[in-house]
Amino acid sequence: MNSDKDMSQMFHSEYLKLQNLIDTANAKNDMSVNEIVETYYQVMNVSSMAAMIKQQTKSEELLDKIQETEKLISKFDSNTHPKILTRLSTSVQEMTKTLQSENSTEKSKEEIVSSARLFEGLRQKMSTREFVQQYEAVISHD
């Protein structure tokens, strides 16, 4: 996979996947934890690929595609990323408030199971929010 043509095809495929994920993130008000993680993984993957290819190629066409990709990632960093972080934070707050407001008196088995699911969802969202905040720290230092 050394030729510029091979690199270009691979990079273009990953770029399209990234563009689709970002478009989906912008269109949705509530992304699943898996969708969020997949989106950030793809941003970091394509960003790393771009940096590596940039050092190895002389192809103007490929360098132009990398520049286009860098603009897409910059737009993600300035627009989409803050929206995702805000949505995650709001969701964590709402789930926490719901759990805190539940009456701790005797609960039925169904209520206990429901609370357990809500706690698990809260744990996943909080973990994902931490992941997104770590991304924030990295882009803030660039």
N, C-alpha and C. Protein backbone atom coordinates (compact mmCIF):
# COMPACT_ATOMS: atom_id res chain seq x y z
N MET A 1 0.84 -1.18 0.00
CA MET A 1 0.00 0.00 0.00
C MET A 1 0.88 1.24 0.00
N ASN A 2 1.88 1.27 -0.84
CA ASN A 2 2.78 2.40 -0.89
C ASN A 2 2.43 3.42 -1.95
N SER A 3 1.73 2.99 -2.95
CA SER A 3 1.48 3.92 -4.04
C SER A 3 0.51 5.02 -3.61
N ASP A 4 0.69 6.17 -4.22
CA ASP A 4 -0.20 7.29 -3.93
C ASP A 4 -1.65 6.93 -4.26
N LYS A 5 -1.82 6.13 -5.31
CA LYS A 5 -3.18 5.75 -5.71
C LYS A 5 -3.83 4.91 -4.60
N ASP A 6 -3.11 3.94 -4.07
CA ASP A 6 -3.64 3.12 -2.97
C ASP A 6 -3.94 3.96 -1.74
N MET A 7 -2.99 4.83 -1.38
CA MET A 7 -3.19 5.70 -0.22
C MET A 7 -4.38 6.62 -0.44
N SER A 8 -4.49 7.13 -1.65
CA SER A 8 -5.58 8.05 -1.97
C SER A 8 -6.93 7.35 -1.84
N GLN A 9 -7.03 6.14 -2.36
CA GLN A 9 -8.29 5.40 -2.28
C GLN A 9 -8.65 5.09 -0.83
N MET A 10 -7.68 4.64 -0.06
CA MET A 10 -7.93 4.32 1.34
C MET A 10 -8.33 5.59 2.10
N PHE A 11 -7.59 6.66 1.89
CA PHE A 11 -7.87 7.91 2.59
C PHE A 11 -9.24 8.45 2.21
N HIS A 12 -9.57 8.38 0.93
CA HIS A 12 -10.88 8.86 0.47
C HIS A 12 -12.01 8.08 1.13
N SER A 13 -11.85 6.78 1.23
CA SER A 13 -12.85 5.93 1.88
C SER A 13 -13.04 6.32 3.35
N GLU A 14 -11.94 6.54 4.05
CA GLU A 14 -12.01 6.94 5.46
C GLU A 14 -12.58 8.35 5.60
N TYR A 15 -12.26 9.22 4.66
CA TYR A 15 -12.80 10.59 4.65
C TYR A 15 -14.33 10.55 4.51
N LEU A 16 -14.81 9.73 3.58
CA LEU A 16 -16.26 9.63 3.37
C LEU A 16 -16.96 9.09 4.61
N LYS A 17 -16.35 8.12 5.25
CA LYS A 17 -16.91 7.58 6.50
C LYS A 17 -16.96 8.68 7.56
N LEU A 18 -15.89 9.45 7.67
CA LEU A 18 -15.85 10.55 8.63
C LEU A 18 -16.93 11.58 8.32
N GLN A 19 -17.03 11.96 7.08
CA GLN A 19 -18.02 12.97 6.68
C GLN A 19 -19.43 12.49 7.02
N ASN A 20 -19.71 11.22 6.77
CA ASN A 20 -21.02 10.65 7.08
C ASN A 20 -21.29 10.68 8.59
N LEU A 21 -20.30 10.30 9.38
CA LEU A 21 -20.46 10.30 10.83
C LEU A 21 -20.70 11.72 11.37
N ILE A 22 -19.97 12.68 10.84
CA ILE A 22 -20.14 14.07 11.28
C ILE A 22 -21.51 14.60 10.87
N ASP A 23 -21.93 14.29 9.64
CA ASP A 23 -23.27 14.70 9.19
C ASP A 23 -24.35 14.11 10.10
N THR A 24 -24.20 12.85 10.45
CA THR A 24 -25.15 12.19 11.34
C THR A 24 -25.14 12.86 12.71
N ALA A 25 -23.95 13.15 13.22
CA ALA A 25 -23.84 13.80 14.54
C ALA A 25 -24.51 15.17 14.53
N ASN A 26 -24.39 15.89 13.43
CA ASN A 26 -25.01 17.21 13.34
C ASN A 26 -26.53 17.12 13.20
N ALA A 27 -27.01 16.04 12.60
CA ALA A 27 -28.44 15.90 12.35
C ALA A 27 -29.20 15.37 13.56
N LYS A 28 -28.52 14.61 14.41
CA LYS A 28 -29.19 13.98 15.55
C LYS A 28 -29.11 14.84 16.80
N ASN A 29 -30.18 14.82 17.58
CA ASN A 29 -30.15 15.50 18.87
C ASN A 29 -29.65 14.60 19.98
N ASP A 30 -29.79 13.29 19.81
CA ASP A 30 -29.38 12.36 20.85
C ASP A 30 -28.66 11.18 20.22
N MET A 31 -27.36 11.20 20.31
CA MET A 31 -26.55 10.11 19.77
C MET A 31 -26.33 9.05 20.85
N SER A 32 -26.24 7.80 20.41
CA SER A 32 -25.93 6.74 21.37
C SER A 32 -24.45 6.84 21.75
N VAL A 33 -24.11 6.21 22.85
CA VAL A 33 -22.72 6.18 23.29
C VAL A 33 -21.84 5.59 22.18
N ASN A 34 -22.30 4.51 21.57
CA ASN A 34 -21.51 3.87 20.50
C ASN A 34 -21.29 4.81 19.31
N GLU A 35 -22.32 5.57 18.94
CA GLU A 35 -22.19 6.52 17.83
C GLU A 35 -21.18 7.61 18.16
N ILE A 36 -21.20 8.08 19.39
CA ILE A 36 -20.26 9.12 19.80
C ILE A 36 -18.83 8.60 19.75
N VAL A 37 -18.61 7.45 20.35
CA VAL A 37 -17.27 6.86 20.37
C VAL A 37 -16.78 6.59 18.95
N GLU A 38 -17.64 6.05 18.10
CA GLU A 38 -17.26 5.77 16.71
C GLU A 38 -16.88 7.06 15.98
N THR A 39 -17.63 8.12 16.21
CA THR A 39 -17.35 9.40 15.55
C THR A 39 -15.99 9.94 15.96
N TYR A 40 -15.72 9.96 17.26
CA TYR A 40 -14.44 10.48 17.74
C TYR A 40 -13.28 9.58 17.30
N TYR A 41 -13.49 8.29 17.30
CA TYR A 41 -12.45 7.37 16.84
C TYR A 41 -12.11 7.68 15.38
N GLN A 42 -13.12 7.89 14.57
CA GLN A 42 -12.89 8.17 13.15
C GLN A 42 -12.19 9.51 12.95
N VAL A 43 -12.56 10.51 13.73
CA VAL A 43 -11.88 11.82 13.65
C VAL A 43 -10.39 11.63 13.95
N MET A 44 -10.10 10.92 15.03
CA MET A 44 -8.68 10.72 15.40
C MET A 44 -7.95 9.85 14.40
N ASN A 45 -8.63 8.84 13.88
CA ASN A 45 -8.03 7.95 12.89
C ASN A 45 -7.68 8.70 11.61
N VAL A 46 -8.62 9.45 11.10
CA VAL A 46 -8.39 10.19 9.85
C VAL A 46 -7.35 11.30 10.06
N SER A 47 -7.38 11.93 11.20
CA SER A 47 -6.39 12.96 11.52
C SER A 47 -4.98 12.37 11.53
N SER A 48 -4.83 11.21 12.14
CA SER A 48 -3.53 10.54 12.16
C SER A 48 -3.09 10.11 10.76
N MET A 49 -4.05 9.57 10.00
CA MET A 49 -3.74 9.16 8.62
C MET A 49 -3.27 10.36 7.81
N ALA A 50 -3.96 11.48 7.95
CA ALA A 50 -3.62 12.68 7.19
C ALA A 50 -2.20 13.13 7.52
N ALA A 51 -1.86 13.13 8.79
CA ALA A 51 -0.51 13.55 9.20
C ALA A 51 0.55 12.62 8.62
N MET A 52 0.28 11.32 8.64
CA MET A 52 1.24 10.34 8.12
C MET A 52 1.39 10.48 6.60
N ILE A 53 0.26 10.56 5.91
CA ILE A 53 0.30 10.63 4.45
C ILE A 53 0.95 11.93 3.99
N LYS A 54 0.67 13.01 4.70
CA LYS A 54 1.24 14.31 4.37
C LYS A 54 2.76 14.26 4.30
N GLN A 55 3.36 13.47 5.18
CA GLN A 55 4.81 13.35 5.22
C GLN A 55 5.35 12.45 4.12
N GLN A 56 4.49 11.58 3.57
CA GLN A 56 4.97 10.56 2.62
C GLN A 56 4.65 10.83 1.17
N THR A 57 3.76 11.77 0.89
CA THR A 57 3.32 11.93 -0.49
C THR A 57 3.77 13.26 -1.08
N LYS A 58 3.87 13.23 -2.38
CA LYS A 58 4.14 14.46 -3.15
C LYS A 58 2.94 14.78 -4.03
N SER A 59 1.93 13.91 -4.02
CA SER A 59 0.75 14.07 -4.87
C SER A 59 -0.05 15.30 -4.47
N GLU A 60 -0.17 16.23 -5.40
CA GLU A 60 -0.95 17.45 -5.14
C GLU A 60 -2.41 17.11 -4.87
N GLU A 61 -2.93 16.14 -5.60
CA GLU A 61 -4.32 15.74 -5.43
C GLU A 61 -4.57 15.21 -4.02
N LEU A 62 -3.66 14.37 -3.55
CA LEU A 62 -3.78 13.82 -2.20
C LEU A 62 -3.58 14.90 -1.14
N LEU A 63 -2.64 15.80 -1.37
CA LEU A 63 -2.42 16.89 -0.43
C LEU A 63 -3.63 17.83 -0.36
N ASP A 64 -4.29 18.03 -1.51
CA ASP A 64 -5.53 18.83 -1.53
C ASP A 64 -6.63 18.14 -0.72
N LYS A 65 -6.73 16.82 -0.86
CA LYS A 65 -7.73 16.05 -0.12
C LYS A 65 -7.44 16.12 1.39
N ILE A 66 -6.17 16.09 1.75
CA ILE A 66 -5.80 16.21 3.16
C ILE A 66 -6.18 17.58 3.69
N GLN A 67 -5.96 18.61 2.90
CA GLN A 67 -6.33 19.96 3.31
C GLN A 67 -7.84 20.07 3.50
N GLU A 68 -8.59 19.47 2.60
CA GLU A 68 -10.05 19.45 2.71
C GLU A 68 -10.48 18.70 3.99
N THR A 69 -9.79 17.63 4.28
CA THR A 69 -10.07 16.83 5.48
C THR A 69 -9.75 17.63 6.74
N GLU A 70 -8.65 18.34 6.73
CA GLU A 70 -8.29 19.17 7.89
C GLU A 70 -9.34 20.24 8.15
N LYS A 71 -9.92 20.78 7.08
CA LYS A 71 -11.00 21.76 7.24
C LYS A 71 -12.24 21.11 7.86
N LEU A 72 -12.54 19.88 7.41
CA LEU A 72 -13.68 19.14 7.96
C LEU A 72 -13.48 18.87 9.45
N ILE A 73 -12.28 18.45 9.82
CA ILE A 73 -11.98 18.17 11.23
C ILE A 73 -12.01 19.46 12.05
N SER A 74 -11.52 20.54 11.48
CA SER A 74 -11.56 21.82 12.18
C SER A 74 -13.01 22.26 12.42
N LYS A 75 -13.85 22.05 11.43
CA LYS A 75 -15.27 22.37 11.57
C LYS A 75 -15.90 21.47 12.65
N PHE A 76 -15.52 20.19 12.66
CA PHE A 76 -16.00 19.28 13.71
C PHE A 76 -15.58 19.81 15.08
N ASP A 77 -14.30 20.19 15.19
CA ASP A 77 -13.76 20.66 16.47
C ASP A 77 -14.48 21.92 16.97
N SER A 78 -14.82 22.82 16.06
CA SER A 78 -15.41 24.09 16.48
C SER A 78 -16.93 24.06 16.58
N ASN A 79 -17.60 23.16 15.86
CA ASN A 79 -19.07 23.14 15.85
C ASN A 79 -19.67 21.87 16.45
N THR A 80 -19.33 20.74 15.87
CA THR A 80 -19.96 19.48 16.25
C THR A 80 -19.53 19.02 17.63
N HIS A 81 -18.23 19.06 17.89
CA HIS A 81 -17.71 18.61 19.18
C HIS A 81 -18.37 19.34 20.36
N PRO A 82 -18.45 20.68 20.35
CA PRO A 82 -19.11 21.36 21.48
C PRO A 82 -20.58 20.94 21.65
N LYS A 83 -21.27 20.70 20.53
CA LYS A 83 -22.67 20.26 20.61
C LYS A 83 -22.76 18.89 21.29
N ILE A 84 -21.88 17.98 20.88
CA ILE A 84 -21.90 16.64 21.47
C ILE A 84 -21.60 16.72 22.96
N LEU A 85 -20.61 17.51 23.33
CA LEU A 85 -20.24 17.65 24.74
C LEU A 85 -21.40 18.26 25.55
N THR A 86 -22.04 19.26 25.01
CA THR A 86 -23.18 19.88 25.68
C THR A 86 -24.33 18.90 25.85
N ARG A 87 -24.63 18.15 24.78
CA ARG A 87 -25.71 17.16 24.86
C ARG A 87 -25.40 16.09 25.90
N LEU A 88 -24.16 15.63 25.92
CA LEU A 88 -23.76 14.62 26.91
C LEU A 88 -23.91 15.16 28.33
N SER A 89 -23.43 16.36 28.54
CA SER A 89 -23.50 16.96 29.88
C SER A 89 -24.95 17.14 30.32
N THR A 90 -25.79 17.59 29.42
CA THR A 90 -27.21 17.77 29.72
C THR A 90 -27.86 16.42 30.05
N SER A 91 -27.54 15.41 29.27
CA SER A 91 -28.09 14.08 29.50
C SER A 91 -27.66 13.53 30.86
N VAL A 92 -26.39 13.72 31.20
CA VAL A 92 -25.89 13.26 32.51
C VAL A 92 -26.64 13.98 33.62
N GLN A 93 -26.83 15.29 33.49
CA GLN A 93 -27.54 16.06 34.51
C GLN A 93 -28.99 15.57 34.67
N GLU A 94 -29.65 15.34 33.54
CA GLU A 94 -31.05 14.89 33.58
C GLU A 94 -31.16 13.51 34.21
N MET A 95 -30.27 12.60 33.83
CA MET A 95 -30.31 11.25 34.40
C MET A 95 -30.00 11.29 35.90
N THR A 96 -29.06 12.11 36.29
CA THR A 96 -28.71 12.25 37.71
C THR A 96 -29.90 12.79 38.49
N LYS A 97 -30.55 13.82 37.94
CA LYS A 97 -31.72 14.41 38.60
C LYS A 97 -32.84 13.38 38.74
N THR A 98 -33.06 12.60 37.70
CA THR A 98 -34.10 11.57 37.75
C THR A 98 -33.80 10.54 38.83
N LEU A 99 -32.57 10.10 38.88
CA LEU A 99 -32.19 9.10 39.88
C LEU A 99 -32.28 9.68 41.30
N GLN A 100 -31.91 10.94 41.46
CA GLN A 100 -31.97 11.56 42.78
C GLN A 100 -33.40 11.78 43.24
N SER A 101 -34.30 11.99 42.30
CA SER A 101 -35.68 12.29 42.66
C SER A 101 -36.51 11.03 42.93
N GLU A 102 -35.98 9.88 42.57
CA GLU A 102 -36.72 8.64 42.81
C GLU A 102 -36.86 8.42 44.31
N ASN A 103 -38.03 8.01 44.67
CA ASN A 103 -38.31 7.74 46.08
C ASN A 103 -37.57 6.47 46.50
N SER A 104 -36.84 6.55 47.59
CA SER A 104 -36.04 5.41 48.03
C SER A 104 -36.79 4.47 48.97
N THR A 105 -38.09 4.66 49.08
CA THR A 105 -38.87 3.72 49.88
C THR A 105 -38.97 2.40 49.13
N GLU A 106 -39.74 1.51 49.67
CA GLU A 106 -39.86 0.18 49.05
C GLU A 106 -40.19 0.29 47.57
N LYS A 107 -39.43 -0.45 46.77
CA LYS A 107 -39.63 -0.45 45.33
C LYS A 107 -39.97 -1.85 44.86
N SER A 108 -40.73 -1.89 43.80
CA SER A 108 -41.02 -3.19 43.20
C SER A 108 -39.77 -3.67 42.45
N LYS A 109 -39.79 -4.94 42.10
CA LYS A 109 -38.66 -5.51 41.36
C LYS A 109 -38.46 -4.74 40.04
N GLU A 110 -39.55 -4.39 39.38
CA GLU A 110 -39.47 -3.67 38.11
C GLU A 110 -38.83 -2.29 38.29
N GLU A 111 -39.18 -1.62 39.37
CA GLU A 111 -38.61 -0.30 39.65
C GLU A 111 -37.12 -0.40 39.95
N ILE A 112 -36.73 -1.45 40.65
CA ILE A 112 -35.31 -1.67 40.95
C ILE A 112 -34.54 -1.94 39.67
N VAL A 113 -35.10 -2.77 38.80
CA VAL A 113 -34.45 -3.09 37.52
C VAL A 113 -34.36 -1.83 36.66
N SER A 114 -35.41 -1.04 36.66
CA SER A 114 -35.41 0.21 35.89
C SER A 114 -34.34 1.17 36.41
N SER A 115 -34.24 1.29 37.72
CA SER A 115 -33.21 2.16 38.31
C SER A 115 -31.81 1.65 37.98
N ALA A 116 -31.64 0.35 38.01
CA ALA A 116 -30.33 -0.23 37.69
C ALA A 116 -29.95 0.08 36.26
N ARG A 117 -30.92 0.00 35.35
CA ARG A 117 -30.66 0.34 33.94
C ARG A 117 -30.29 1.82 33.80
N LEU A 118 -30.99 2.65 34.52
CA LEU A 118 -30.72 4.08 34.47
C LEU A 118 -29.32 4.38 35.02
N PHE A 119 -28.94 3.72 36.11
CA PHE A 119 -27.59 3.89 36.66
C PHE A 119 -26.54 3.45 35.64
N GLU A 120 -26.77 2.33 34.97
CA GLU A 120 -25.82 1.84 33.97
C GLU A 120 -25.71 2.83 32.81
N GLY A 121 -26.86 3.34 32.37
CA GLY A 121 -26.85 4.34 31.30
C GLY A 121 -26.09 5.59 31.72
N LEU A 122 -26.31 6.00 32.97
CA LEU A 122 -25.60 7.17 33.50
C LEU A 122 -24.10 6.92 33.53
N ARG A 123 -23.70 5.74 33.97
CA ARG A 123 -22.27 5.40 34.02
C ARG A 123 -21.66 5.47 32.62
N GLN A 124 -22.35 4.91 31.64
CA GLN A 124 -21.84 4.93 30.25
C GLN A 124 -21.74 6.36 29.73
N LYS A 125 -22.76 7.16 29.98
CA LYS A 125 -22.74 8.56 29.51
C LYS A 125 -21.62 9.35 30.19
N MET A 126 -21.43 9.12 31.48
CA MET A 126 -20.37 9.84 32.20
C MET A 126 -19.00 9.43 31.68
N SER A 127 -18.82 8.17 31.40
CA SER A 127 -17.56 7.68 30.85
C SER A 127 -17.31 8.27 29.46
N THR A 128 -18.35 8.31 28.66
CA THR A 128 -18.24 8.89 27.32
C THR A 128 -17.96 10.38 27.40
N ARG A 129 -18.61 11.06 28.33
CA ARG A 129 -18.35 12.49 28.51
C ARG A 129 -16.88 12.73 28.87
N GLU A 130 -16.33 11.88 29.73
CA GLU A 130 -14.91 11.98 30.10
C GLU A 130 -14.02 11.81 28.87
N PHE A 131 -14.35 10.84 28.02
CA PHE A 131 -13.62 10.61 26.77
C PHE A 131 -13.66 11.84 25.88
N VAL A 132 -14.84 12.43 25.74
CA VAL A 132 -15.02 13.63 24.90
C VAL A 132 -14.27 14.81 25.50
N GLN A 133 -14.26 14.92 26.82
CA GLN A 133 -13.51 16.00 27.48
C GLN A 133 -12.01 15.83 27.29
N GLN A 134 -11.54 14.60 27.24
CA GLN A 134 -10.12 14.36 26.98
C GLN A 134 -9.77 14.81 25.55
N TYR A 135 -10.67 14.56 24.61
CA TYR A 135 -10.47 15.04 23.24
C TYR A 135 -10.39 16.57 23.25
N GLU A 136 -11.26 17.19 24.02
CA GLU A 136 -11.27 18.66 24.16
C GLU A 136 -9.90 19.15 24.64
N ALA A 137 -9.35 18.46 25.62
CA ALA A 137 -8.04 18.86 26.17
C ALA A 137 -6.95 18.76 25.10
N VAL A 138 -7.03 17.74 24.26
CA VAL A 138 -6.02 17.56 23.21
C VAL A 138 -6.13 18.68 22.16
N ILE A 139 -7.34 18.98 21.72
CA ILE A 139 -7.46 20.01 20.68
C ILE A 139 -7.19 21.41 21.24
N SER A 140 -7.37 21.59 22.54
CA SER A 140 -7.08 22.88 23.15
C SER A 140 -5.59 23.17 23.22
N HIS A 141 -4.79 22.11 23.21
CA HIS A 141 -3.33 22.27 23.30
C HIS A 141 -2.65 22.33 21.94
N ASP A 142 -3.40 22.12 20.87
CA ASP A 142 -2.78 22.17 19.52
C ASP A 142 -2.57 23.58 19.06
